[in-house]
């Protein structure tokens, strides 16, 4: 079973000991807006990069073809 982006971010938040409220503050957005993003699993590439920066890590987005090769 594949994890959604929201699930991956939640795992990272737990590892970094950061709450969604704290992440919202770091990103300069409201907790409600962030909760809605998680609910819909709707993150833009720019938001994912900002989240990575706020959590002191890197985001590397990529496509994987059906053979498992990264593109």
Protein backbone atom coordinates (compact mmCIF):
# COMPACT_ATOMS: atom_id res chain seq x y z
CA UNK A 1 0.00 0.00 0.00
CA UNK A 2 1.40 3.38 -1.01
CA UNK A 3 1.39 6.28 1.42
CA UNK A 4 -0.27 9.55 0.47
CA UNK A 5 1.82 12.71 0.55
CA UNK A 6 -0.06 13.81 3.66
CA UNK A 7 0.82 10.53 5.40
CA UNK A 8 4.47 10.95 4.46
CA UNK A 9 4.49 14.49 5.85
CA UNK A 10 2.82 13.30 9.07
CA UNK A 11 5.54 10.67 9.50
CA UNK A 12 8.20 13.33 8.97
CA UNK A 13 6.47 15.65 11.46
CA UNK A 14 6.48 12.89 14.07
CA UNK A 15 10.17 12.16 13.48
CA UNK A 16 11.00 15.86 13.77
CA UNK A 17 8.72 16.26 16.82
CA UNK A 18 6.77 19.07 15.12
CA UNK A 19 2.99 19.51 15.27
CA UNK A 20 0.81 20.57 12.35
CA UNK A 21 0.13 23.78 14.28
CA UNK A 22 3.86 24.49 14.51
CA UNK A 23 4.32 23.66 10.82
CA UNK A 24 1.50 26.08 9.97
CA UNK A 25 3.27 28.83 11.92
CA UNK A 26 6.58 28.12 10.21
CA UNK A 27 4.88 28.36 6.82
CA UNK A 28 2.94 31.51 7.69
CA UNK A 29 -0.45 29.93 7.12
CA UNK A 30 -3.42 29.07 9.30
CA UNK A 31 -3.90 25.76 11.05
CA UNK A 32 -7.26 25.43 9.28
CA UNK A 33 -5.66 25.85 5.86
CA UNK A 34 -3.02 23.26 6.67
CA UNK A 35 -5.62 20.83 8.05
CA UNK A 36 -7.59 21.19 4.81
CA UNK A 37 -4.46 20.45 2.77
CA UNK A 38 -3.94 17.24 4.75
CA UNK A 39 -7.62 16.29 4.48
CA UNK A 40 -7.63 16.69 0.69
CA UNK A 41 -4.01 15.56 0.29
CA UNK A 42 -3.59 18.62 -1.90
CA UNK A 43 -0.04 20.00 -1.85
CA UNK A 44 1.61 21.96 -4.66
CA UNK A 45 5.27 21.45 -5.53
CA UNK A 46 6.07 24.86 -4.02
CA UNK A 47 4.29 23.91 -0.78
CA UNK A 48 6.16 20.61 -0.57
CA UNK A 49 9.46 22.42 -1.01
CA UNK A 50 8.46 24.97 1.67
CA UNK A 51 7.46 22.17 4.04
CA UNK A 52 10.82 20.47 3.48
CA UNK A 53 12.64 23.70 4.21
CA UNK A 54 10.53 24.33 7.33
CA UNK A 55 11.44 20.83 8.55
CA UNK A 56 15.13 21.20 7.69
CA UNK A 57 15.17 18.53 5.00
CA UNK A 58 14.99 18.23 1.21
CA UNK A 59 12.09 17.32 -1.04
CA UNK A 60 12.95 15.42 -4.19
CA UNK A 61 9.93 14.88 -6.39
CA UNK A 62 10.22 12.39 -9.23
CA UNK A 63 8.21 10.12 -11.48
CA UNK A 64 8.65 6.36 -11.52
CA UNK A 65 7.67 4.38 -14.63
CA UNK A 66 5.90 1.03 -14.38
CA UNK A 67 9.24 -0.79 -14.46
CA UNK A 68 10.27 1.02 -11.29
CA UNK A 69 12.77 3.31 -12.99
CA UNK A 70 12.99 6.88 -11.68
CA UNK A 71 12.51 9.48 -14.39
